[in-house]
Amino acid sequence: MGLALWMTGCGMTQPSMKAEAPAKDMVAFVDVNVVPMDSERLLAHQTVVVKGERIVALGPVDTTPVPAGAARVEGRGRYLMPGLADMHLHLVPGTGQPEDPAGQVLALLLANGVTTARALGGPKDTALGVRDRVARGEVLGPTLRVAAPSMHGKSVQGPEQARQRVREYKAAGYDGLKTHGFLGRETYDAMMAEARAQGLPVSGHVTPDVGLFHALESGQQIEHLDGYLNELLPEDDAARAEVGQVELGEPLERMDPARIPALAEATKKAGVWSSPTLALFETVTSPEGVEALRARPELRYAKQASVEAWTQMVSKDPQMTQVPAGRKRRFAELRRQVTRGLYTAGAKLMVGSDSPQLFMVAGFAVHREMEALAEAGIAPYGVLEAATRNAAEYLGEAGTWGTVAEGRRADLLLLEANPLQDVKHTRELAGVMVRGQWLPRSELDELLERTAVVANAPPPVKKSVATAASGAP
């Protein structure tokens, strides 16, 4: 890609209103407007009752009683919708405790309303542990799904090793597979066949050695719109085999958007889901310059050493400093047109941030991606679908979460404004409920503030043996 992608932490604007204190077992949202996400509709003046981890009642406020002892949360003038899902992030080292980097990522996700997340990369020795500790309630965080270490041309040598790795990852308990591509067609086919046999979904990159249409035929879930820009070139264009994820060179001028509808229809027919990661690539190729990136308010929650490293990377990268702004805009617009074409054709989209890395801060990057999808021409309801029910459907868990209904897991956002009018309203959180645990605005603010402090706390001073022995401070 030219720019290496690094890791970080995050931040957000905070509404002034506070929600009520949490209850241990039962919570009732009273007289709230529900955005159920089962269709494009709004249910006004509802009461939603949560007991434990589940929604146990939902109905008109006048006919739905609030159980005795339930904590009441004022919903009048507010909006209740499903929690958000980030289907492409990276876990960082740690156990998930507040003081370690993994715990900071979990806190930032929750503070931004992300109640489900899929990790497509991270330390193999800790990712499964963090997932399981969250599931057991030992640490607080979104429900996690974890993909195995990436399978690519350097990590897998040949078809037989690909099949063996898939079996090993299944036995280890991973939820899916990730590929960075460059496997070659034979090894790729072996990986996909064994993944089907083991019941593991495959997500990731598409490289020219496999190609978009073969990936579609194989059923791979596609990240970053890989392969689509290649297919916008004329069929006999040699650049088809050379265009990578970021193309700011002369081939851009030969890419024809008229090819998009056929590609989108093929994607829908194949039943393949896409996570476009528009916001990441618009950051990577931003024509605004590094100072605009450094001004992002959420960088308060990132390690400042990381911010400085990203600044140096961007300042020295020719793609950021030498490519004309017009070419960057054309690259971004082509990606938006592909995304809009997929949506128009009925191909399913999901929200993925690819954070934390390169000015993309965990949690906040989800909102940036949702806003990028809206700017690409997708209606608010379509963006909300991508961020909620689509993710649940892709994971085969639509009966468990992703909508607001009786029996669903109580992963909920209480908002101060209607998200069906503008997806930016998902930033205006009065509170977040994750698996039935209510976190009012005040607790979200505490999570953010703690993360800002911990992320940039100076390392502990190590005493020498002689100093320690002397008792000196």
Protein backbone atom coordinates (compact mmCIF):
# COMPACT_ATOMS: atom_id res chain seq x y z
CA MET A 1 0.00 0.00 0.00
CA GLY A 2 3.02 2.31 0.27
CA LEU A 3 1.95 3.47 3.72
CA ALA A 4 2.45 0.96 6.50
CA LEU A 5 -0.61 0.61 8.75
CA TRP A 6 0.01 1.07 12.45
CA MET A 7 -1.90 0.64 15.70
CA THR A 8 -3.50 3.16 18.15
CA GLY A 9 -6.44 4.24 20.47
CA CYS A 10 -9.48 6.97 20.15
CA GLY A 11 -12.08 9.99 21.08
CA MET A 12 -15.51 11.74 20.43
CA THR A 13 -17.78 14.70 21.08
CA GLN A 14 -19.96 14.23 24.12
CA PRO A 15 -23.63 15.24 24.53
CA SER A 16 -24.58 17.03 27.71
CA MET A 17 -27.59 14.95 28.85
CA LYS A 18 -27.03 12.04 31.18
CA ALA A 19 -28.96 8.80 31.45
CA GLU A 20 -30.01 7.23 34.72
CA ALA A 21 -27.97 4.98 36.99
CA PRO A 22 -27.62 1.31 36.04
CA ALA A 23 -29.56 -1.56 37.57
CA LYS A 24 -27.96 -4.92 38.27
CA ASP A 25 -30.59 -7.15 36.71
CA MET A 26 -33.50 -5.28 35.09
CA VAL A 27 -33.68 -2.03 33.15
CA ALA A 28 -36.65 -0.35 31.45
CA PHE A 29 -36.29 2.29 28.76
CA VAL A 30 -39.52 4.25 29.14
CA ASP A 31 -41.33 6.25 26.43
CA VAL A 32 -38.49 5.85 23.95
CA ASN A 33 -38.51 5.92 20.14
CA VAL A 34 -37.29 2.54 18.92
CA VAL A 35 -35.33 2.04 15.70
CA PRO A 36 -35.77 -1.76 15.52
CA MET A 37 -33.75 -2.28 12.30
CA ASP A 38 -36.02 -5.08 11.13
CA SER A 39 -37.22 -2.66 8.44
CA GLU A 40 -37.02 1.07 7.81
CA ARG A 41 -39.46 2.20 10.47
CA LEU A 42 -39.64 4.01 13.79
CA LEU A 43 -41.74 2.86 16.77
CA ALA A 44 -42.67 5.92 18.81
CA HIS A 45 -43.45 6.02 22.55
CA GLN A 46 -42.32 2.52 23.48
CA THR A 47 -41.18 0.81 26.65
CA VAL A 48 -38.35 -1.71 26.31
CA VAL A 49 -37.62 -3.99 29.26
CA VAL A 50 -34.31 -5.80 29.65
CA LYS A 51 -33.71 -8.60 32.13
CA GLY A 52 -30.23 -10.07 32.36
CA GLU A 53 -28.78 -10.14 28.85
CA ARG A 54 -32.09 -10.21 26.96
CA ILE A 55 -34.90 -7.93 25.87
CA VAL A 56 -37.99 -9.39 27.53
CA ALA A 57 -40.65 -6.86 26.54
CA LEU A 58 -41.20 -4.21 23.89
CA GLY A 59 -44.46 -2.36 23.37
CA PRO A 60 -46.38 0.92 23.59
CA VAL A 61 -45.67 2.86 26.76
CA ASP A 62 -49.37 2.95 27.72
CA THR A 63 -49.76 -0.83 27.66
CA THR A 64 -46.30 -2.15 28.58
CA PRO A 65 -45.76 -2.14 32.37
CA VAL A 66 -42.44 -1.43 33.99
CA PRO A 67 -41.66 -4.34 36.34
CA ALA A 68 -41.31 -3.57 40.02
CA GLY A 69 -37.69 -2.96 40.94
CA ALA A 70 -36.55 -2.23 37.42
CA ALA A 71 -34.25 0.74 36.93
CA ARG A 72 -36.05 3.30 34.75
CA VAL A 73 -34.17 5.10 31.98
CA GLU A 74 -35.92 8.16 30.59
CA GLY A 75 -36.48 7.69 26.88
CA ARG A 76 -38.72 10.62 25.97
CA GLY A 77 -37.24 12.43 22.97
CA ARG A 78 -34.51 9.79 22.65
CA TYR A 79 -33.92 6.90 20.24
CA LEU A 80 -33.07 3.28 21.01
CA MET A 81 -31.32 1.20 18.36
CA PRO A 82 -29.10 -1.90 18.19
CA GLY A 83 -25.45 -1.59 19.14
CA LEU A 84 -22.92 -1.11 16.35
CA ALA A 85 -20.68 -3.83 14.93
CA ASP A 86 -17.12 -3.24 13.72
CA MET A 87 -16.41 -6.14 11.40
CA HIS A 88 -12.77 -5.30 10.76
CA LEU A 89 -10.51 -4.26 13.58
CA HIS A 90 -7.23 -5.41 15.07
CA LEU A 91 -6.69 -6.48 18.64
CA VAL A 92 -3.51 -5.35 20.32
CA PRO A 93 -1.50 -7.13 23.03
CA GLY A 94 -2.96 -7.48 26.48
CA THR A 95 -5.47 -9.35 28.60
CA GLY A 96 -8.32 -6.86 28.25
CA GLN A 97 -7.74 -5.24 31.62
CA PRO A 98 -8.18 -1.43 31.68
CA GLU A 99 -4.49 -0.77 32.13
CA ASP A 100 -3.29 -2.68 29.06
CA PRO A 101 -3.55 -1.80 25.34
CA ALA A 102 -6.20 -4.43 24.58
CA GLY A 103 -8.34 -3.13 27.42
CA GLN A 104 -8.03 0.40 26.08
CA VAL A 105 -9.32 -0.72 22.67
CA LEU A 106 -12.27 -2.48 24.32
CA ALA A 107 -13.10 0.66 26.33
CA LEU A 108 -12.94 2.91 23.28
CA LEU A 109 -15.22 0.61 21.32
CA LEU A 110 -17.86 0.61 24.05
CA ALA A 111 -17.58 4.38 24.53
CA ASN A 112 -18.51 4.72 20.86
CA GLY A 113 -21.43 2.30 20.93
CA VAL A 114 -19.65 -0.71 19.42
CA THR A 115 -21.08 -3.78 21.14
CA THR A 116 -19.85 -6.46 18.69
CA ALA A 117 -16.50 -6.61 16.93
CA ARG A 118 -14.62 -8.97 14.66
CA ALA A 119 -10.84 -9.03 14.94
CA LEU A 120 -9.16 -9.76 11.61
CA GLY A 121 -5.69 -9.49 13.04
CA GLY A 122 -3.88 -9.33 16.32
CA PRO A 123 -1.48 -11.21 18.56
CA LYS A 124 -2.30 -14.90 18.19
CA ASP A 125 -1.32 -15.67 21.77
CA THR A 126 -3.77 -13.19 23.31
CA ALA A 127 -6.67 -12.60 20.90
CA LEU A 128 -8.59 -15.76 21.81
CA GLY A 129 -7.94 -15.12 25.49
CA VAL A 130 -9.41 -11.62 25.32
CA ARG A 131 -12.45 -12.93 23.42
CA ASP A 132 -13.08 -15.61 26.04
CA ARG A 133 -12.52 -13.30 29.02
CA VAL A 134 -15.12 -10.90 27.63
CA ALA A 135 -17.54 -13.80 27.10
CA ARG A 136 -17.05 -14.97 30.69
CA GLY A 137 -17.61 -11.47 32.05
CA GLU A 138 -14.09 -11.14 33.45
CA VAL A 139 -13.43 -7.98 31.46
CA LEU A 140 -15.85 -5.48 29.95
CA GLY A 141 -15.97 -5.18 26.19
CA PRO A 142 -17.92 -5.86 23.02
CA THR A 143 -18.76 -9.45 22.10
CA LEU A 144 -15.77 -10.55 20.01
CA ARG A 145 -15.25 -12.85 17.05
CA VAL A 146 -11.62 -13.61 16.25
CA ALA A 147 -10.09 -14.68 12.94
CA ALA A 148 -6.98 -16.85 12.81
CA PRO A 149 -3.54 -15.49 11.89
CA SER A 150 -3.49 -14.36 8.28
CA MET A 151 -2.89 -16.89 5.53
CA HIS A 152 -0.79 -15.44 2.72
CA GLY A 153 2.07 -16.21 0.38
CA LYS A 154 4.75 -16.02 3.07
CA SER A 155 2.90 -17.80 5.88
CA VAL A 156 1.58 -20.73 3.83
CA GLN A 157 3.62 -22.79 1.41
CA GLY A 158 1.48 -24.90 -0.87
CA PRO A 159 -1.96 -26.53 -0.85
CA GLU A 160 -1.28 -29.22 1.73
CA GLN A 161 0.05 -26.75 4.27
CA ALA A 162 -2.98 -24.55 3.61
CA ARG A 163 -5.34 -27.43 4.40
CA GLN A 164 -3.36 -28.33 7.52
CA ARG A 165 -3.40 -24.73 8.79
CA VAL A 166 -7.15 -24.50 8.37
CA ARG A 167 -7.60 -27.66 10.43
CA GLU A 168 -5.23 -26.36 13.11
CA TYR A 169 -7.06 -23.03 13.33
CA LYS A 170 -10.40 -24.79 13.61
CA ALA A 171 -9.08 -26.95 16.44
CA ALA A 172 -7.69 -23.88 18.20
CA GLY A 173 -11.15 -22.33 18.33
CA TYR A 174 -10.92 -19.45 15.88
CA ASP A 175 -14.16 -18.05 14.47
CA GLY A 176 -12.95 -17.59 10.90
CA LEU A 177 -9.98 -17.17 8.58
CA LYS A 178 -8.19 -14.09 7.26
CA THR A 179 -6.17 -13.93 4.07
CA HIS A 180 -3.83 -11.23 2.81
CA GLY A 181 -3.68 -12.93 -0.58
CA PHE A 182 -0.66 -13.83 -2.77
CA LEU A 183 -1.33 -17.52 -2.17
CA GLY A 184 -1.55 -18.53 -5.82
CA ARG A 185 -4.68 -20.10 -7.28
CA GLU A 186 -3.98 -23.72 -6.28
CA THR A 187 -3.15 -22.91 -2.65
CA TYR A 188 -6.08 -20.50 -2.43
CA ASP A 189 -8.49 -23.15 -3.69
CA ALA A 190 -7.15 -25.65 -1.15
CA MET A 191 -7.64 -23.13 1.66
CA MET A 192 -11.20 -22.34 0.56
CA ALA A 193 -12.16 -26.00 0.16
CA GLU A 194 -10.86 -26.95 3.60
CA ALA A 195 -12.47 -23.87 5.14
CA ARG A 196 -15.84 -24.97 3.75
CA ALA A 197 -15.28 -28.47 5.11
CA GLN A 198 -14.44 -27.06 8.54
CA GLY A 199 -17.26 -24.50 8.55
CA LEU A 200 -14.96 -21.49 8.78
CA PRO A 201 -15.78 -18.31 6.82
CA VAL A 202 -12.91 -16.66 4.95
CA SER A 203 -12.47 -12.90 4.82
CA GLY A 204 -9.76 -10.64 3.54
CA HIS A 205 -7.80 -9.39 0.58
CA VAL A 206 -8.08 -10.32 -3.08
CA THR A 207 -4.83 -10.19 -5.05
CA PRO A 208 -4.41 -10.46 -8.85
CA ASP A 209 -3.16 -14.07 -8.67
CA VAL A 210 -6.70 -15.05 -7.62
CA GLY A 211 -8.77 -12.21 -9.06
CA LEU A 212 -12.13 -10.78 -8.14
CA PHE A 213 -14.36 -13.18 -10.07
CA HIS A 214 -12.64 -16.29 -8.73
CA ALA A 215 -12.94 -14.91 -5.19
CA LEU A 216 -16.65 -14.31 -5.80
CA GLU A 217 -17.12 -17.83 -7.13
CA SER A 218 -15.26 -19.19 -4.09
CA GLY A 219 -17.48 -17.31 -1.63
CA GLN A 220 -14.78 -15.24 0.06
CA GLN A 221 -15.99 -12.20 2.01
CA ILE A 222 -14.07 -9.26 0.53
CA GLU A 223 -12.32 -6.52 2.47
CA HIS A 224 -11.26 -3.08 1.13
CA LEU A 225 -13.04 -3.54 -2.24
CA ASP A 226 -9.99 -5.51 -3.34
CA GLY A 227 -10.09 -6.46 -7.01
CA TYR A 228 -12.87 -4.11 -8.06
CA LEU A 229 -10.70 -1.29 -9.37
CA ASN A 230 -8.65 -3.81 -11.38
CA GLU A 231 -11.86 -4.88 -13.11
CA LEU A 232 -12.66 -1.29 -14.11
CA LEU A 233 -9.70 -1.37 -16.51
CA PRO A 234 -10.07 -2.60 -20.10
CA GLU A 235 -9.87 -6.39 -20.32
CA ASP A 236 -6.58 -6.34 -22.23
CA ASP A 237 -4.94 -3.76 -19.97
CA ALA A 238 -1.68 -5.07 -18.50
CA ALA A 239 -2.18 -2.92 -15.40
CA ARG A 240 -4.95 -5.28 -14.27
CA ALA A 241 -2.25 -7.55 -12.85
CA GLU A 242 -0.41 -4.67 -11.16
CA VAL A 243 -3.02 -2.43 -9.56
CA GLY A 244 -2.92 -2.79 -5.80
CA GLN A 245 -5.07 -1.50 -2.98
CA VAL A 246 -3.95 2.09 -3.46
CA GLU A 247 -3.62 3.16 -7.10
CA LEU A 248 -2.83 6.82 -7.68
CA GLY A 249 -0.98 6.43 -10.94
CA GLU A 250 -1.84 6.66 -14.61
CA PRO A 251 -4.10 3.51 -14.66
CA LEU A 252 -6.69 5.54 -12.73
CA GLU A 253 -7.45 7.46 -15.91
CA ARG A 254 -8.39 4.26 -17.76
CA MET A 255 -10.78 2.94 -15.13
CA ASP A 256 -14.35 2.99 -16.42
CA PRO A 257 -17.20 3.35 -13.86
CA ALA A 258 -19.62 1.99 -16.48
CA ARG A 259 -18.30 -1.47 -15.56
CA ILE A 260 -19.52 -1.15 -11.95
CA PRO A 261 -23.14 -2.35 -12.36
CA ALA A 262 -22.03 -5.69 -13.86
CA LEU A 263 -19.50 -6.20 -11.06
CA ALA A 264 -22.11 -5.34 -8.44
CA GLU A 265 -24.64 -7.72 -9.96
CA ALA A 266 -22.06 -10.53 -9.99
CA THR A 267 -21.32 -9.82 -6.33
CA LYS A 268 -24.98 -10.00 -5.39
CA LYS A 269 -25.47 -13.20 -7.38
CA ALA A 270 -22.50 -14.79 -5.60
CA GLY A 271 -23.93 -13.78 -2.21
CA VAL A 272 -20.63 -12.18 -1.23
CA TRP A 273 -20.52 -9.52 1.48
CA SER A 274 -18.17 -6.53 1.38
CA SER A 275 -16.53 -4.33 3.97
CA PRO A 276 -15.31 -1.32 1.94
CA THR A 277 -13.22 0.44 4.65
CA LEU A 278 -13.76 3.72 2.78
CA ALA A 279 -12.67 5.95 5.66
CA LEU A 280 -9.30 4.23 6.01
CA PHE A 281 -8.41 4.63 2.34
CA GLU A 282 -9.65 8.20 2.32
CA THR A 283 -7.33 8.82 5.25
CA VAL A 284 -4.41 7.11 3.51
CA THR A 285 -4.86 9.29 0.41
CA SER A 286 -6.20 12.45 2.07
CA PRO A 287 -5.50 15.55 -0.04
CA GLU A 288 -5.82 17.74 3.06
CA GLY A 289 -2.34 17.04 4.39
CA VAL A 290 -0.95 15.73 7.63
CA GLU A 291 -1.91 18.71 9.80
CA ALA A 292 -5.60 18.07 9.12
CA LEU A 293 -5.12 14.44 10.16
CA ARG A 294 -3.29 15.48 13.32
CA ALA A 295 -6.21 17.78 14.21
CA ARG A 296 -8.66 14.90 14.62
CA PRO A 297 -10.05 15.27 18.16
CA GLU A 298 -10.04 11.55 18.90
CA LEU A 299 -6.24 11.44 18.76
CA ARG A 300 -6.35 12.52 22.39
CA TYR A 301 -7.01 8.85 23.11
CA ALA A 302 -4.11 7.55 21.03
CA LYS A 303 -0.56 7.17 22.18
CA GLN A 304 1.14 10.38 21.18
CA ALA A 305 4.23 8.43 20.17
CA SER A 306 2.03 6.68 17.59
CA VAL A 307 0.65 9.99 16.35
CA GLU A 308 4.19 11.27 15.82
CA ALA A 309 5.18 8.08 14.01
CA TRP A 310 2.15 8.34 11.70
CA THR A 311 2.99 11.97 11.05
CA GLN A 312 6.49 11.02 9.93
CA MET A 313 5.16 8.23 7.73
CA VAL A 314 2.67 10.49 5.99
CA SER A 315 5.14 13.37 5.65
CA LYS A 316 7.70 11.15 3.93
CA ASP A 317 5.39 9.08 1.75
CA PRO A 318 5.33 10.11 -1.93
CA GLN A 319 1.65 9.14 -2.21
CA MET A 320 0.80 11.83 0.31
CA THR A 321 3.29 14.50 -0.67
CA GLN A 322 3.77 14.27 -4.46
CA VAL A 323 0.54 12.94 -6.00
CA PRO A 324 -1.82 15.69 -7.20
CA ALA A 325 -4.92 16.21 -5.09
CA GLY A 326 -7.15 15.60 -8.10
CA ARG A 327 -5.83 12.09 -8.52
CA LYS A 328 -6.44 11.32 -4.86
CA ARG A 329 -10.00 12.56 -5.19
CA ARG A 330 -10.58 10.41 -8.27
CA PHE A 331 -9.33 7.33 -6.41
CA ALA A 332 -11.67 8.06 -3.50
CA GLU A 333 -14.61 8.76 -5.80
CA LEU A 334 -14.15 5.51 -7.75
CA ARG A 335 -14.22 3.57 -4.48
CA ARG A 336 -17.38 5.43 -3.47
CA GLN A 337 -18.98 4.62 -6.81
CA VAL A 338 -18.16 0.92 -6.40
CA THR A 339 -19.64 0.94 -2.90
CA ARG A 340 -22.78 2.71 -4.07
CA GLY A 341 -23.08 0.27 -6.97
CA LEU A 342 -22.89 -2.71 -4.63
CA TYR A 343 -25.57 -1.24 -2.39
CA THR A 344 -27.84 -0.35 -5.30
CA ALA A 345 -27.55 -3.89 -6.68
CA GLY A 346 -28.53 -5.36 -3.32
CA ALA A 347 -25.11 -6.78 -2.42
CA LYS A 348 -24.67 -6.72 1.36
CA LEU A 349 -22.28 -4.27 3.01
CA MET A 350 -20.75 -4.28 6.49
CA VAL A 351 -18.96 -1.62 8.49
CA GLY A 352 -15.28 -2.22 9.12
CA SER A 353 -12.83 0.37 10.44
CA ASP A 354 -9.50 -1.51 10.14
CA SER A 355 -8.51 0.32 13.32
CA PRO A 356 -6.49 1.00 15.32
CA GLN A 357 -3.91 2.36 12.89
CA LEU A 358 -2.78 5.42 10.89
CA PHE A 359 -4.95 8.16 12.45
CA MET A 360 -7.86 5.69 12.68
CA VAL A 361 -8.76 5.41 16.35
CA ALA A 362 -10.72 2.40 17.63
CA GLY A 363 -14.44 3.09 18.04
CA PHE A 364 -14.33 6.57 16.55
CA ALA A 365 -13.20 5.06 13.26
CA VAL A 366 -16.51 3.18 13.07
CA HIS A 367 -18.35 6.49 12.98
CA ARG A 368 -15.95 7.79 10.35
CA GLU A 369 -16.68 4.72 8.22
CA MET A 370 -20.43 5.11 8.62
CA GLU A 371 -20.18 8.75 7.62
CA ALA A 372 -18.01 7.82 4.62
CA LEU A 373 -20.66 5.34 3.49
CA ALA A 374 -23.29 8.07 3.78
CA GLU A 375 -21.10 10.44 1.76
CA ALA A 376 -20.85 7.72 -0.90
CA GLY A 377 -24.59 8.06 -1.41
CA ILE A 378 -25.99 5.33 0.82
CA ALA A 379 -29.17 6.28 2.69
CA PRO A 380 -29.02 6.43 6.51
CA TYR A 381 -31.02 3.22 6.92
CA GLY A 382 -28.63 1.40 4.58
CA VAL A 383 -25.65 2.57 6.60
CA LEU A 384 -27.32 1.54 9.86
CA GLU A 385 -28.07 -1.88 8.34
CA ALA A 386 -24.41 -2.30 7.47
CA ALA A 387 -23.47 -1.41 11.03
CA THR A 388 -26.01 -3.68 12.79
CA ARG A 389 -28.24 -6.39 11.33
CA ASN A 390 -26.05 -7.14 8.29
CA ALA A 391 -23.16 -8.12 10.53
CA ALA A 392 -25.40 -10.39 12.59
CA GLU A 393 -26.79 -12.00 9.45
CA TYR A 394 -23.32 -12.58 8.01
CA LEU A 395 -22.22 -14.33 11.20
CA GLY A 396 -25.35 -16.47 11.24
CA GLU A 397 -26.53 -14.78 14.44
CA ALA A 398 -29.50 -12.74 13.19
CA GLY A 399 -31.78 -14.45 15.72
CA THR A 400 -29.52 -13.36 18.56
CA TRP A 401 -28.60 -9.71 18.01
CA GLY A 402 -28.58 -6.90 15.44
CA THR A 403 -32.23 -5.85 15.87
CA VAL A 404 -34.38 -4.60 18.73
CA ALA A 405 -36.96 -7.27 19.51
CA GLU A 406 -38.09 -9.51 22.34
CA GLY A 407 -35.58 -12.29 22.91
CA ARG A 408 -32.65 -10.45 21.32
CA ARG A 409 -29.44 -9.83 23.20
CA ALA A 410 -29.61 -6.46 24.89
CA ASP A 411 -26.90 -4.65 22.93
CA LEU A 412 -28.44 -1.20 22.62
CA LEU A 413 -27.63 2.46 22.01
CA LEU A 414 -29.69 5.27 23.52
CA LEU A 415 -29.29 8.34 21.31
CA GLU A 416 -30.23 11.99 21.69
CA ALA A 417 -31.27 12.33 18.02
CA ASN A 418 -32.80 10.22 15.25
CA PRO A 419 -30.15 8.16 13.39
CA LEU A 420 -32.57 7.56 10.49
CA GLN A 421 -32.24 11.25 9.68
CA ASP A 422 -28.44 11.40 9.88
CA VAL A 423 -25.96 8.65 10.77
CA LYS A 424 -23.85 11.26 12.60
CA HIS A 425 -26.49 11.09 15.33
CA THR A 426 -25.05 7.71 16.38
CA ARG A 427 -22.28 9.75 17.99
CA GLU A 428 -24.78 11.44 20.32
CA LEU A 429 -24.88 8.72 22.95
CA ALA A 430 -26.91 9.05 26.13
CA GLY A 431 -25.76 5.57 27.06
CA VAL A 432 -24.77 2.10 25.84
CA MET A 433 -26.05 -1.29 26.92
CA VAL A 434 -23.81 -4.28 26.26
CA ARG A 435 -25.21 -7.74 27.01
CA GLY A 436 -27.67 -6.16 29.42
CA GLN A 437 -25.14 -4.02 31.30
CA TRP A 438 -26.15 -0.36 31.21
CA LEU A 439 -23.42 2.26 30.81
CA PRO A 440 -24.85 5.79 31.09
CA ARG A 441 -23.12 8.79 29.53
CA SER A 442 -21.21 9.48 32.72
CA GLU A 443 -19.62 6.02 32.63
CA LEU A 444 -18.78 6.34 28.94
CA ASP A 445 -17.01 9.61 29.76
CA GLU A 446 -15.09 7.85 32.50
CA LEU A 447 -13.99 5.14 30.07
CA LEU A 448 -12.74 7.78 27.65
CA GLU A 449 -10.92 9.81 30.28
CA ARG A 450 -9.26 6.76 31.79
CA THR A 451 -8.10 5.67 28.36
CA ALA A 452 -6.62 9.09 27.61
CA VAL A 453 -4.68 8.99 30.86
CA VAL A 454 -3.51 5.38 30.61
CA ALA A 455 -2.58 5.59 26.92
CA ASN A 456 -0.15 8.42 27.54
CA ALA A 457 1.03 7.72 31.08
CA PRO A 458 4.82 7.79 31.36
CA PRO A 459 6.39 4.35 31.75
CA PRO A 460 7.29 3.39 35.32
CA VAL A 461 10.80 4.36 36.34
CA LYS A 462 12.97 1.31 36.85
CA LYS A 463 15.23 1.57 39.86
CA SER A 464 18.71 0.27 39.68
CA VAL A 465 19.70 -2.42 42.15
CA ALA A 466 21.88 0.07 44.02
CA THR A 467 19.15 2.71 44.23
CA ALA A 468 16.58 0.18 45.39
CA ALA A 469 18.90 -1.09 48.07
CA SER A 470 19.52 2.42 49.38
CA GLY A 471 15.83 3.09 49.85
CA ALA A 472 16.02 6.24 47.71
CA PRO A 473 12.78 7.30 45.94
